Amino acid sequence: MRCTQRATATALLATLILIAGAAGPAHAQKAARKAKARPAPAGSEVVATVNGQKITRAMVVDDLLADQDARIRATEPRFADRQRPVAAAIGALVLRRLQAGGGKAVTVTRPEIVAWLFQDKPSVLLEAVQNKIREVSIAQAARAQGLKVADAEVKAKVAKAINNARQQLHLTGQSDAKVLAALGYRAEAIREAVVTNVYVEQMVQRDLTKKLGHPVGPADFLEAHHILIRPVATQTPASAGAAGQPAPAPDPQDQEKGFADARTKIDAVAEEVKTGKKTFEKAATESSDDGSKFQEGRLGVFMRGQMVPEFEKAAFALKPGEVSAPVRTQFGWHLIRVDRVGKDIPAAERESSLQNYIRGRAQALVQSLVAKADVHNTLPPPMPAAPAGMQGG
C-alpha cells in the first residue's frame, strides 16, 4: 500500500474509503453473532473491547488474510502489493520453523498463523486492530443516533466509485468484479467500508444541520475570490525571548498596529480595484498574502460553516459581481468578490463542495467518537513511520 502505484489505485477509490480499515462494522456484527452460535473456536480470544463489545482475534485476522490474498492476486501488475506485510509476517514464522527443522518440510495451520501474528505483532496487525476499534465506535454511535444505511445508497456509491476506476484505468467493458480484481480489492470489504463511511457522512451532516439551524440547501453555497493582507507582527529583539525560552505573548498594541498597517494596504488595493486600475484577479496575484494568490484569489465553491464567521457573514451578504468593503478576521483584512450564488451553481458542484466539507471533518469526528468510547486494547498502538532517511536498510 505504500508504493506509488498502490497509492494511485487507492486514490481511484477515495470516494469509497474515507476511514481506513480492512472491513466495516457489519462484518464485526456478523462475526459476533456467529461466535455466540457455536463453541469458541481458535481466534476467539478477545483482543479489544469498545463499550463492552468484543473484538476477537479472528475478526481482525480473517480480514487481514483475505485482503492480503486479494492484494497479491491483483491482476494488474502495477497495482500488485509488493510490500505484502501480512504475508511477510507469516513468512517469518515459516522461516523460523524451517531453520529449526534443518530445512525439512513444515506445516503451518491457520490457528498457528493467528497465534503467531499476535505474538509477532507486526505493524499491519496493530493498525488493523485500531481500524476495527474505529469502525465499532462508529457503528455504535450510529445506532445510538438511530441512523440507518439504505442498501440502494450503498450500491450506488460502490457502483460510482468502481465506474470511476474503470474509466481512469481504461478498463471499459470490464465487469465490476474484474475491475476490483485488477486493483486487488475485495467486493465485501469495499461494501462494508462504504457502510462505515455513510454513517460518518450522516453524523457530519447532522452536526452541520444543527450548526446552521436548517438542512443544507442551495442558498448555503457560494463561489468567490478574495484578497488577504495579513498584519505584520511587530516584535523588538528584546521581546523575542532568550535562546531556548518561549517568546512572550505579543503586545496588544503591537498587534493593533499590525492590523492598522494591513488596513491601510487593503484600502489601497480596494481603491485600485474600484477605479479599474487593476482587475480583482491581478490585484490578488500581486498583493494577496494568501496561497490563493496563485489562482488569482480564486476560492472556488464553498459552503456555510467552512469559513470564519466574519468572512462568511460578509460573503453571503454580497450579490454576484459585488466586492465587499474590507473585512477583518483573525487572519487579517480581506476583500471578497462573489462570483456565483447557490442557485446559479450546478448541483454537482454543490455536492462536491459538501463532500469536501464532510471529508475535512470526518477524521476529527471519528477521533472524538473513539475518545468518548470506553476502549480496552490489549495491543500497543502502532509505531509512527520513521522520518525520511531514518529507515533501516
Protein backbone atom coordinates (compact mmCIF):
# COMPACT_ATOMS: atom_id res chain seq x y z
CA MET A 1 0.00 0.00 0.00
CA ARG A 2 2.95 2.33 0.37
CA CYS A 3 4.21 2.27 -3.20
CA THR A 4 3.19 4.99 -5.65
CA GLN A 5 1.19 2.68 -7.86
CA ARG A 6 -0.77 1.30 -4.92
CA ALA A 7 -1.45 4.85 -3.72
CA THR A 8 -2.74 5.70 -7.19
CA ALA A 9 -5.09 2.73 -7.11
CA THR A 10 -6.33 3.70 -3.68
CA ALA A 11 -6.94 7.27 -4.86
CA LEU A 12 -9.22 5.98 -7.58
CA LEU A 13 -11.48 4.58 -4.87
CA ALA A 14 -11.12 7.53 -2.50
CA THR A 15 -14.82 8.26 -2.77
CA LEU A 16 -15.38 4.86 -1.18
CA ILE A 17 -12.88 4.71 1.63
CA LEU A 18 -12.81 7.82 3.81
CA ILE A 19 -12.00 5.95 7.00
CA ALA A 20 -9.18 3.46 6.51
CA GLY A 21 -9.97 -0.08 7.50
CA ALA A 22 -9.85 -3.65 6.31
CA ALA A 23 -13.57 -4.22 6.90
CA GLY A 24 -16.61 -2.43 8.24
CA PRO A 25 -18.77 -2.86 11.33
CA ALA A 26 -21.25 -5.09 9.51
CA HIS A 27 -18.59 -7.79 9.38
CA ALA A 28 -17.85 -7.34 13.06
CA GLN A 29 -21.52 -7.75 13.92
CA LYS A 30 -21.90 -10.88 11.79
CA ALA A 31 -18.80 -12.43 13.30
CA ALA A 32 -20.05 -11.66 16.80
CA ARG A 33 -23.41 -13.32 16.10
CA LYS A 34 -21.70 -16.41 14.70
CA ALA A 35 -19.44 -16.61 17.73
CA LYS A 36 -22.48 -16.85 20.02
CA ALA A 37 -23.95 -19.70 17.98
CA ARG A 38 -21.02 -22.11 18.18
CA PRO A 39 -18.32 -23.22 20.62
CA ALA A 40 -15.40 -20.84 21.00
CA PRO A 41 -13.07 -21.53 18.03
CA ALA A 42 -9.39 -20.75 17.67
CA GLY A 43 -9.01 -17.00 17.37
CA SER A 44 -11.94 -16.23 19.67
CA GLU A 45 -9.62 -14.60 22.20
CA VAL A 46 -10.64 -11.01 22.84
CA VAL A 47 -8.08 -8.50 21.62
CA ALA A 48 -10.07 -5.34 22.39
CA THR A 49 -13.43 -4.10 23.61
CA VAL A 50 -15.37 -0.95 22.76
CA ASN A 51 -18.01 -0.09 25.36
CA GLY A 52 -18.07 -3.77 26.24
CA GLN A 53 -18.43 -5.02 22.64
CA LYS A 54 -15.74 -7.62 21.94
CA ILE A 55 -13.28 -7.58 19.07
CA THR A 56 -11.71 -11.02 18.70
CA ARG A 57 -8.51 -12.13 17.06
CA ALA A 58 -10.42 -13.90 14.31
CA MET A 59 -12.45 -10.80 13.49
CA VAL A 60 -9.21 -8.97 12.78
CA VAL A 61 -7.11 -11.70 11.17
CA ASP A 62 -9.85 -13.05 8.88
CA ASP A 63 -9.97 -9.71 7.09
CA LEU A 64 -6.20 -9.27 7.12
CA LEU A 65 -5.62 -12.61 5.43
CA ALA A 66 -8.43 -12.14 2.90
CA ASP A 67 -7.30 -8.64 1.98
CA GLN A 68 -3.66 -9.68 1.68
CA ASP A 69 -4.66 -12.51 -0.63
CA ALA A 70 -6.64 -10.08 -2.79
CA ARG A 71 -3.69 -7.67 -2.96
CA ILE A 72 -1.31 -10.43 -4.01
CA ARG A 73 -3.75 -11.62 -6.66
CA ALA A 74 -4.19 -8.17 -8.27
CA THR A 75 -4.44 -8.90 -11.98
CA GLU A 76 -2.84 -5.59 -12.92
CA PRO A 77 0.87 -5.97 -12.03
CA ARG A 78 1.24 -2.22 -11.45
CA PHE A 79 -1.20 -2.48 -8.55
CA ALA A 80 0.21 -5.66 -7.01
CA ASP A 81 1.15 -5.34 -3.35
CA ARG A 82 4.96 -5.56 -3.26
CA GLN A 83 5.16 -4.85 0.47
CA ARG A 84 3.00 -7.85 1.45
CA PRO A 85 3.11 -7.08 5.19
CA VAL A 86 0.83 -9.94 6.30
CA ALA A 87 2.50 -12.50 4.05
CA ALA A 88 5.90 -11.30 5.24
CA ALA A 89 4.93 -11.79 8.89
CA ILE A 90 3.72 -15.31 8.15
CA GLY A 91 6.89 -15.96 6.18
CA ALA A 92 8.91 -15.14 9.29
CA LEU A 93 7.11 -17.96 11.10
CA VAL A 94 7.77 -20.40 8.27
CA LEU A 95 11.45 -19.39 8.09
CA ARG A 96 11.86 -19.86 11.82
CA ARG A 97 10.42 -23.38 11.60
CA LEU A 98 12.49 -24.27 8.57
CA GLN A 99 15.65 -23.23 10.37
CA ALA A 100 14.67 -25.14 13.49
CA GLY A 101 13.92 -28.27 11.45
CA GLY A 102 17.06 -28.18 9.40
CA GLY A 103 15.24 -27.33 6.21
CA LYS A 104 12.70 -30.14 6.39
CA ALA A 105 9.16 -29.53 5.17
CA VAL A 106 6.96 -27.67 7.64
CA THR A 107 3.22 -27.29 8.02
CA VAL A 108 1.59 -24.14 9.35
CA THR A 109 -2.09 -24.17 10.31
CA ARG A 110 -4.42 -21.20 10.39
CA PRO A 111 -4.69 -21.20 14.21
CA GLU A 112 -0.88 -21.19 14.37
CA ILE A 113 -0.79 -18.22 11.98
CA VAL A 114 -3.25 -16.32 14.15
CA ALA A 115 -1.24 -17.08 17.29
CA TRP A 116 2.00 -16.07 15.60
CA LEU A 117 0.67 -12.75 14.33
CA PHE A 118 -0.41 -11.77 17.83
CA GLN A 119 2.97 -12.87 19.18
CA ASP A 120 4.98 -11.09 16.49
CA LYS A 121 2.70 -8.01 16.49
CA PRO A 122 3.58 -6.60 13.03
CA SER A 123 2.51 -3.01 12.40
CA VAL A 124 -0.15 -4.13 9.93
CA LEU A 125 -1.87 -6.08 12.72
CA LEU A 126 -1.71 -3.20 15.20
CA GLU A 127 -3.16 -0.85 12.59
CA ALA A 128 -5.93 -3.35 11.79
CA VAL A 129 -6.97 -3.52 15.44
CA GLN A 130 -7.04 0.28 15.63
CA ASN A 131 -9.16 0.35 12.47
CA LYS A 132 -11.57 -2.18 13.94
CA ILE A 133 -11.88 -0.09 17.11
CA ARG A 134 -12.75 2.95 14.99
CA GLU A 135 -15.28 1.00 12.96
CA VAL A 136 -17.04 -0.42 16.02
CA SER A 137 -17.08 3.05 17.64
CA ILE A 138 -18.70 4.50 14.50
CA ALA A 139 -21.31 1.74 14.30
CA GLN A 140 -22.21 2.12 17.97
CA ALA A 141 -22.59 5.90 17.65
CA ALA A 142 -24.72 5.49 14.52
CA ARG A 143 -27.04 3.04 16.29
CA ALA A 144 -27.30 5.37 19.28
CA GLN A 145 -28.41 8.18 16.93
CA GLY A 146 -30.88 5.95 15.13
CA LEU A 147 -29.03 6.18 11.82
CA LYS A 148 -29.59 3.63 9.08
CA VAL A 149 -27.98 2.95 5.72
CA ALA A 150 -30.14 2.01 2.74
CA ASP A 151 -28.84 -0.79 0.54
CA ALA A 152 -29.67 1.29 -2.55
CA GLU A 153 -27.38 4.10 -1.36
CA VAL A 154 -24.54 1.71 -0.66
CA LYS A 155 -24.91 0.03 -4.06
CA ALA A 156 -24.96 3.40 -5.81
CA LYS A 157 -21.80 4.62 -4.07
CA VAL A 158 -19.95 1.38 -4.74
CA ALA A 159 -21.00 1.37 -8.39
CA LYS A 160 -19.98 5.01 -8.88
CA ALA A 161 -16.53 4.51 -7.41
CA ILE A 162 -15.88 1.33 -9.38
CA ASN A 163 -17.04 3.02 -12.57
CA ASN A 164 -14.65 5.94 -11.92
CA ALA A 165 -11.82 3.44 -11.51
CA ARG A 166 -12.93 1.63 -14.66
CA GLN A 167 -12.75 4.81 -16.71
CA GLN A 168 -9.45 6.05 -15.29
CA LEU A 169 -7.78 2.66 -15.70
CA HIS A 170 -9.15 2.29 -19.25
CA LEU A 171 -10.95 -0.93 -18.37
CA THR A 172 -14.02 -0.17 -20.46
CA GLY A 173 -16.24 -3.21 -20.85
CA GLN A 174 -14.78 -4.97 -17.80
CA SER A 175 -17.18 -6.16 -15.12
CA ASP A 176 -17.14 -4.72 -11.59
CA ALA A 177 -15.54 -7.93 -10.34
CA LYS A 178 -12.72 -7.65 -12.87
CA VAL A 179 -12.08 -4.00 -12.03
CA LEU A 180 -11.77 -4.84 -8.33
CA ALA A 181 -9.58 -7.83 -9.16
CA ALA A 182 -7.30 -5.57 -11.21
CA LEU A 183 -6.85 -3.32 -8.16
CA GLY A 184 -6.66 -6.13 -5.62
CA TYR A 185 -9.78 -5.23 -3.63
CA ARG A 186 -12.48 -7.50 -2.20
CA ALA A 187 -16.06 -6.55 -3.01
CA GLU A 188 -17.19 -7.34 0.56
CA ALA A 189 -14.52 -5.14 2.12
CA ILE A 190 -15.40 -2.27 -0.21
CA ARG A 191 -19.09 -2.53 0.58
CA GLU A 192 -18.53 -2.66 4.33
CA ALA A 193 -16.17 0.32 4.16
CA VAL A 194 -18.89 2.25 2.32
CA VAL A 195 -21.39 1.48 5.08
CA THR A 196 -18.95 2.88 7.65
CA ASN A 197 -18.36 5.97 5.55
CA VAL A 198 -22.07 6.62 5.05
CA TYR A 199 -22.53 6.53 8.83
CA VAL A 200 -19.78 9.14 9.17
CA GLU A 201 -21.33 11.28 6.44
CA GLN A 202 -24.70 11.16 8.17
CA MET A 203 -23.22 12.18 11.51
CA VAL A 204 -21.24 15.07 9.98
CA GLN A 205 -24.34 16.28 8.13
CA ARG A 206 -26.43 16.01 11.29
CA ASP A 207 -23.87 18.19 13.12
CA LEU A 208 -23.86 20.63 10.19
CA THR A 209 -27.66 20.92 10.24
CA LYS A 210 -27.53 21.67 13.95
CA LYS A 211 -24.81 24.28 13.38
CA LEU A 212 -26.70 26.03 10.56
CA GLY A 213 -30.10 25.67 12.15
CA HIS A 214 -31.54 24.15 8.96
CA PRO A 215 -30.76 21.39 6.43
CA VAL A 216 -28.17 22.30 3.81
CA GLY A 217 -29.71 23.87 0.72
CA PRO A 218 -28.59 25.73 -2.43
CA ALA A 219 -28.54 29.07 -0.58
CA ASP A 220 -25.74 27.76 1.63
CA PHE A 221 -23.19 27.76 -1.22
CA LEU A 222 -21.11 30.48 -2.85
CA GLU A 223 -18.29 30.80 -5.35
CA ALA A 224 -15.90 33.68 -4.65
CA HIS A 225 -12.47 35.29 -4.99
CA HIS A 226 -10.65 37.07 -2.19
CA ILE A 227 -7.58 39.12 -1.32
CA LEU A 228 -5.94 38.89 2.11
CA ILE A 229 -3.50 41.34 3.68
CA ARG A 230 -2.01 39.87 6.83
CA PRO A 231 -0.87 42.11 9.72
CA VAL A 232 2.89 42.24 10.06
CA ALA A 233 3.95 41.08 13.51
CA THR A 234 5.97 43.77 15.24
CA GLN A 235 8.43 42.44 17.78
CA THR A 236 11.59 44.09 19.12
CA PRO A 237 14.72 41.94 19.58
CA ALA A 238 14.43 42.38 23.35
CA SER A 239 10.99 40.80 23.35
CA ALA A 240 11.99 37.77 21.33
CA GLY A 241 12.96 35.73 24.40
CA ALA A 242 16.30 34.20 25.34
CA ALA A 243 17.60 31.20 23.40
CA GLY A 244 15.64 28.11 24.30
CA GLN A 245 12.93 30.14 26.03
CA PRO A 246 9.42 30.72 24.64
CA ALA A 247 8.77 34.19 23.28
CA PRO A 248 6.44 36.33 25.41
CA ALA A 249 2.87 36.94 24.29
CA PRO A 250 2.57 39.65 21.63
CA ASP A 251 1.86 43.12 22.91
CA PRO A 252 -1.79 44.03 22.11
CA GLN A 253 -0.70 47.48 20.98
CA ASP A 254 1.80 45.92 18.55
CA GLN A 255 -0.93 43.63 17.24
CA GLU A 256 -3.28 46.52 16.64
CA LYS A 257 -0.56 48.46 14.87
CA GLY A 258 -0.05 45.48 12.58
CA PHE A 259 -3.78 45.36 11.79
CA ALA A 260 -3.84 49.14 11.24
CA ASP A 261 -0.97 48.90 8.74
CA ALA A 262 -2.71 45.99 6.99
CA ARG A 263 -5.90 48.09 6.78
CA THR A 264 -4.00 50.88 5.06
CA LYS A 265 -2.70 48.38 2.49
CA ILE A 266 -6.09 46.73 1.85
CA ASP A 267 -7.69 50.17 1.40
CA ALA A 268 -5.13 50.97 -1.29
CA VAL A 269 -5.79 47.65 -3.04
CA ALA A 270 -9.55 48.21 -2.81
CA GLU A 271 -9.17 51.62 -4.44
CA GLU A 272 -7.18 50.13 -7.33
CA VAL A 273 -9.93 47.57 -7.92
CA LYS A 274 -12.76 50.11 -7.55
CA THR A 275 -11.23 52.57 -10.03
CA GLY A 276 -10.44 49.85 -12.54
CA LYS A 277 -6.71 50.40 -12.31
CA LYS A 278 -6.38 46.68 -11.67
CA THR A 279 -8.72 43.76 -12.07
CA PHE A 280 -9.58 41.86 -8.90
CA GLU A 281 -7.60 38.89 -10.22
CA LYS A 282 -4.48 40.97 -10.94
CA ALA A 283 -4.68 42.67 -7.54
CA ALA A 284 -4.98 39.29 -5.83
CA THR A 285 -1.98 37.90 -7.70
CA GLU A 286 0.18 40.89 -6.89
CA SER A 287 -0.93 41.79 -3.38
CA SER A 288 -2.63 38.92 -1.54
CA ASP A 289 -0.83 37.20 1.33
CA ASP A 290 -2.92 34.05 0.87
CA GLY A 291 -1.97 30.95 -1.11
CA SER A 292 -4.98 31.54 -3.34
CA LYS A 293 -2.99 34.36 -4.98
CA PHE A 294 -1.53 31.71 -7.28
CA GLN A 295 -5.09 31.09 -8.56
CA GLU A 296 -5.80 34.84 -8.86
CA GLY A 297 -7.55 34.77 -5.49
CA ARG A 298 -9.99 32.05 -6.50
CA LEU A 299 -11.59 30.22 -3.56
CA GLY A 300 -13.90 28.06 -5.65
CA VAL A 301 -17.23 26.86 -4.31
CA PHE A 302 -17.61 26.75 -0.54
CA MET A 303 -20.47 26.46 1.89
CA ARG A 304 -21.65 27.95 5.14
CA GLY A 305 -19.68 26.63 8.05
CA GLN A 306 -16.35 26.41 6.23
CA MET A 307 -15.11 29.97 6.72
CA VAL A 308 -14.60 32.03 9.87
CA PRO A 309 -17.81 33.86 10.92
CA GLU A 310 -16.76 37.40 9.95
CA PHE A 311 -15.73 36.31 6.45
CA GLU A 312 -18.82 34.18 5.99
CA LYS A 313 -21.24 36.89 7.12
CA ALA A 314 -19.78 39.40 4.65
CA ALA A 315 -19.56 36.94 1.76
CA PHE A 316 -23.14 35.66 2.00
CA ALA A 317 -24.45 39.25 2.09
CA LEU A 318 -22.99 40.03 -1.35
CA LYS A 319 -24.60 39.68 -4.76
CA PRO A 320 -22.76 38.20 -7.76
CA GLY A 321 -20.10 40.61 -9.00
CA GLU A 322 -20.09 42.71 -5.82
CA VAL A 323 -16.86 43.41 -3.93
CA SER A 324 -17.03 43.79 -0.17
CA ALA A 325 -15.65 46.56 1.95
CA PRO A 326 -12.51 45.44 3.86
CA VAL A 327 -13.43 42.64 6.29
CA ARG A 328 -11.35 41.97 9.40
CA THR A 329 -10.82 38.41 10.64
CA GLN A 330 -8.21 36.76 12.83
CA PHE A 331 -6.08 36.34 9.71
CA GLY A 332 -6.04 39.97 8.62
CA TRP A 333 -8.06 42.15 6.24
CA HIS A 334 -9.96 40.69 3.28
CA LEU A 335 -11.60 41.89 0.11
CA ILE A 336 -14.24 39.43 -1.13
CA ARG A 337 -15.89 39.22 -4.54
CA VAL A 338 -18.78 36.83 -5.02
CA ASP A 339 -18.91 35.20 -8.46
CA ARG A 340 -21.92 32.87 -8.19
CA VAL A 341 -24.56 32.24 -5.55
CA GLY A 342 -26.05 28.86 -4.76
CA LYS A 343 -28.96 28.89 -7.19
CA ASP A 344 -26.52 29.51 -10.06
CA ILE A 345 -24.09 26.76 -9.01
CA PRO A 346 -24.84 23.33 -10.56
CA ALA A 347 -25.95 20.62 -8.13
CA ALA A 348 -22.86 18.51 -8.94
CA GLU A 349 -20.56 21.35 -7.83
CA ARG A 350 -22.54 21.91 -4.65
CA GLU A 351 -22.39 18.20 -3.87
CA SER A 352 -18.62 18.18 -4.45
CA SER A 353 -18.25 21.08 -2.03
CA LEU A 354 -20.39 19.29 0.55
CA GLN A 355 -18.29 16.14 0.22
CA ASN A 356 -15.12 18.19 0.71
CA TYR A 357 -16.66 19.61 3.89
CA ILE A 358 -17.53 16.10 5.11
CA ARG A 359 -14.06 14.74 4.37
CA GLY A 360 -12.50 17.69 6.16
CA ARG A 361 -14.42 16.91 9.33
CA ALA A 362 -14.67 13.12 9.20
CA GLN A 363 -11.33 12.43 10.86
CA ALA A 364 -12.00 14.77 13.79
CA LEU A 365 -15.45 13.25 14.27
CA VAL A 366 -14.09 9.69 14.35
CA GLN A 367 -11.31 10.67 16.75
CA SER A 368 -13.94 12.21 19.02
CA LEU A 369 -16.10 9.06 18.91
CA VAL A 370 -13.15 6.84 19.84
CA ALA A 371 -12.04 9.22 22.59
CA LYS A 372 -15.51 9.15 24.16
CA ALA A 373 -15.80 5.35 23.95
CA ASP A 374 -14.65 3.02 26.72
CA VAL A 375 -11.88 1.27 24.78
CA HIS A 376 -9.65 -1.50 26.10
CA ASN A 377 -6.97 -2.65 23.66
CA THR A 378 -4.56 -5.44 24.63
CA LEU A 379 -2.08 -4.44 21.92
CA PRO A 380 0.22 -1.41 21.83
CA PRO A 381 -0.55 1.33 19.29
CA PRO A 382 1.38 1.09 16.01
CA MET A 383 4.70 2.89 15.90
CA PRO A 384 4.77 6.06 13.76
CA ALA A 385 6.62 5.82 10.47
CA ALA A 386 10.33 6.62 10.63
CA PRO A 387 11.37 10.00 9.19
CA ALA A 388 12.78 10.01 5.68
CA GLY A 389 16.39 8.85 5.68
CA MET A 390 16.00 7.03 9.01
CA GLN A 391 14.54 3.77 7.70
CA GLY A 392 16.61 0.67 8.13
CA GLY A 393 18.48 -0.67 5.15
